[in-house]
Amino acid sequence: MSQAGALTKAVADLCDDDELVTWWGLVIEGYHATQHRVMGEIADAVNLAPSSFDIMIRLLRSPDHRLPMTRLANEAALSSGGFTKVADRLVAVGLIERVPCETDRRVTYAALTERGLEVAKEARRAAAGILRQRVLDPLGPERLSSMAETMRVLRAANGAG
């Protein structure tokens, strides 16, 4: 038996099928309830839709506050058309700009404008406060850290990073 097969059998011995499916259901329900609440409160606090908030935060954390548009769309898990609509709205309100790559005409960057940088920093502050209340306070730092590490393991084990 392979090491992975032995591990799967050991896990199966620890819990029955119903218990395992129930645990996973609780993870999904907890995530959805928390995500819905957190993103609603962030949208109210900084007037950014969830997809716009995600893009702004990704740009804020990126070198020079810019990323190639195709990479940003992939990281934000948006279709090309969906990303274009969000980007168009952010450009229209002056939060991001499209910047052509100097060395490759096929590449266009999404970059925070000066105003976009201010809004992204405000959004990050608001999100951190909301996450402290909705996630950190109920879980505490140790459980939150453990949960984050668990999610990293699952992400890596299932092919996303």
Protein backbone atom coordinates (compact mmCIF):
# COMPACT_ATOMS: atom_id res chain seq x y z
CA MET A 1 0.00 0.00 0.00
CA SER A 2 1.34 3.45 -0.87
CA GLN A 3 2.00 6.06 1.81
CA ALA A 4 -0.98 8.12 0.58
CA GLY A 5 -3.19 5.02 0.63
CA ALA A 6 -2.09 4.16 4.16
CA LEU A 7 -2.81 7.70 5.28
CA THR A 8 -6.27 7.64 3.70
CA LYS A 9 -7.02 4.33 5.48
CA ALA A 10 -5.79 5.76 8.80
CA VAL A 11 -8.04 8.79 8.37
CA ALA A 12 -10.96 6.54 7.41
CA ASP A 13 -10.43 4.62 10.64
CA LEU A 14 -10.70 7.87 12.63
CA CYS A 15 -14.08 8.94 11.31
CA ASP A 16 -16.95 7.43 9.40
CA ASP A 17 -18.24 8.68 6.06
CA ASP A 18 -21.12 10.65 7.54
CA GLU A 19 -18.88 12.39 10.05
CA LEU A 20 -16.34 13.33 7.36
CA VAL A 21 -19.02 14.74 5.03
CA THR A 22 -20.55 16.63 7.98
CA TRP A 23 -17.17 18.16 8.90
CA TRP A 24 -16.63 19.35 5.35
CA GLY A 25 -20.17 20.74 5.22
CA LEU A 26 -19.45 22.74 8.38
CA VAL A 27 -16.29 24.17 6.79
CA ILE A 28 -18.27 25.28 3.74
CA GLU A 29 -21.19 26.67 5.78
CA GLY A 30 -18.85 28.55 8.12
CA TYR A 31 -16.93 29.98 5.19
CA HIS A 32 -20.03 31.09 3.29
CA ALA A 33 -21.72 32.67 6.31
CA THR A 34 -18.55 34.50 7.32
CA GLN A 35 -17.60 35.55 3.78
CA HIS A 36 -21.08 36.89 3.09
CA ARG A 37 -21.10 38.90 6.32
CA VAL A 38 -17.53 40.17 5.99
CA MET A 39 -17.82 41.19 2.33
CA GLY A 40 -21.15 42.90 2.98
CA GLU A 41 -19.65 44.92 5.81
CA ILE A 42 -16.58 45.80 3.72
CA ALA A 43 -18.81 46.89 0.83
CA ASP A 44 -20.78 49.10 3.22
CA ALA A 45 -17.61 50.54 4.77
CA VAL A 46 -15.69 51.39 1.59
CA ASN A 47 -18.28 51.20 -1.19
CA LEU A 48 -16.45 48.45 -3.11
CA ALA A 49 -18.08 45.32 -4.50
CA PRO A 50 -16.31 42.09 -3.45
CA SER A 51 -14.57 41.59 -6.81
CA SER A 52 -13.39 45.22 -6.86
CA PHE A 53 -12.15 44.91 -3.28
CA ASP A 54 -10.24 41.73 -4.17
CA ILE A 55 -8.56 43.38 -7.15
CA MET A 56 -7.67 46.52 -5.19
CA ILE A 57 -6.11 44.49 -2.34
CA ARG A 58 -4.13 42.31 -4.75
CA LEU A 59 -2.76 45.43 -6.44
CA LEU A 60 -1.98 47.03 -3.07
CA ARG A 61 0.16 44.02 -2.10
CA SER A 62 1.95 43.82 -5.46
CA PRO A 63 5.29 45.43 -6.35
CA ASP A 64 4.71 48.95 -7.67
CA HIS A 65 0.98 48.33 -7.04
CA ARG A 66 0.53 46.77 -10.46
CA LEU A 67 0.09 43.36 -12.06
CA PRO A 68 -0.37 42.08 -15.60
CA MET A 69 -4.09 42.08 -16.27
CA THR A 70 -4.21 38.40 -17.28
CA ARG A 71 -2.43 37.34 -14.08
CA LEU A 72 -4.71 39.53 -11.98
CA ALA A 73 -7.80 38.04 -13.62
CA ASN A 74 -6.51 34.51 -12.92
CA GLU A 75 -5.60 35.28 -9.31
CA ALA A 76 -8.99 36.87 -8.72
CA ALA A 77 -10.64 33.77 -10.28
CA LEU A 78 -12.58 35.88 -12.77
CA SER A 79 -13.30 35.09 -16.39
CA SER A 80 -11.67 37.37 -18.93
CA GLY A 81 -15.00 39.09 -19.59
CA GLY A 82 -15.86 39.35 -15.91
CA PHE A 83 -12.48 40.83 -15.10
CA THR A 84 -12.76 43.32 -17.97
CA LYS A 85 -16.09 44.59 -16.59
CA VAL A 86 -14.66 45.05 -13.09
CA ALA A 87 -11.52 46.69 -14.46
CA ASP A 88 -13.59 49.02 -16.67
CA ARG A 89 -15.59 50.14 -13.62
CA LEU A 90 -12.43 50.73 -11.56
CA VAL A 91 -10.87 52.71 -14.43
CA ALA A 92 -14.05 54.76 -14.86
CA VAL A 93 -13.98 55.86 -11.20
CA GLY A 94 -10.25 56.57 -11.28
CA LEU A 95 -9.05 53.78 -8.98
CA ILE A 96 -6.90 51.87 -11.47
CA GLU A 97 -5.35 52.55 -14.82
CA ARG A 98 -4.23 50.35 -17.68
CA VAL A 99 -0.51 50.69 -18.35
CA PRO A 100 1.12 49.13 -21.41
CA CYS A 101 4.27 47.08 -20.81
CA GLU A 102 7.36 48.83 -22.16
CA THR A 103 9.02 45.60 -23.27
CA ASP A 104 6.09 43.46 -24.47
CA ARG A 105 3.20 44.97 -26.42
CA ARG A 106 1.03 41.96 -25.59
CA VAL A 107 1.08 42.78 -21.87
CA THR A 108 -1.03 45.41 -20.17
CA TYR A 109 -0.80 46.12 -16.46
CA ALA A 110 -3.55 47.11 -14.10
CA ALA A 111 -2.08 49.69 -11.73
CA LEU A 112 -3.50 51.59 -8.80
CA THR A 113 -3.83 55.32 -9.35
CA GLU A 114 -2.87 57.69 -6.55
CA ARG A 115 -6.53 57.83 -5.52
CA GLY A 116 -6.76 54.06 -5.91
CA LEU A 117 -3.83 53.60 -3.55
CA GLU A 118 -5.59 55.71 -0.91
CA VAL A 119 -8.86 53.80 -1.35
CA ALA A 120 -7.06 50.42 -1.26
CA LYS A 121 -5.31 51.35 1.99
CA GLU A 122 -8.63 52.50 3.48
CA ALA A 123 -10.26 49.26 2.31
CA ARG A 124 -7.48 47.19 3.89
CA ARG A 125 -7.88 49.04 7.22
CA ALA A 126 -11.66 48.56 7.15
CA ALA A 127 -11.33 44.90 6.19
CA ALA A 128 -8.81 44.26 8.96
CA GLY A 129 -11.16 45.77 11.54
CA ILE A 130 -14.08 43.72 10.27
CA LEU A 131 -11.98 40.54 10.15
CA ARG A 132 -10.80 41.14 13.71
CA GLN A 133 -14.42 41.31 14.84
CA ARG A 134 -15.89 38.53 12.70
CA VAL A 135 -12.99 36.04 12.53
CA LEU A 136 -10.16 36.77 14.98
CA ASP A 137 -12.35 37.53 18.01
CA PRO A 138 -14.38 34.29 17.75
CA LEU A 139 -11.38 32.07 16.89
CA GLY A 140 -8.46 33.67 18.69
CA PRO A 141 -4.98 34.01 17.18
CA GLU A 142 -3.91 30.37 17.63
CA ARG A 143 -6.95 28.82 15.97
CA LEU A 144 -6.90 31.42 13.19
CA SER A 145 -3.20 30.73 12.53
CA SER A 146 -3.87 26.99 12.54
CA MET A 147 -6.80 27.44 10.16
CA ALA A 148 -4.67 29.53 7.79
CA GLU A 149 -1.97 26.86 7.79
CA THR A 150 -4.62 24.20 7.17
CA MET A 151 -5.90 26.15 4.16
CA ARG A 152 -2.35 26.48 2.81
CA VAL A 153 -1.95 22.70 3.06
CA LEU A 154 -5.26 22.09 1.27
CA ARG A 155 -4.43 24.64 -1.43
CA ALA A 156 -1.06 23.00 -2.07
CA ALA A 157 -2.44 19.44 -1.92
CA ASN A 158 -5.16 20.23 -4.43
CA GLY A 159 -3.06 21.97 -7.03
CA ALA A 160 -3.54 25.68 -6.45
CA GLY A 161 -0.24 27.09 -5.40
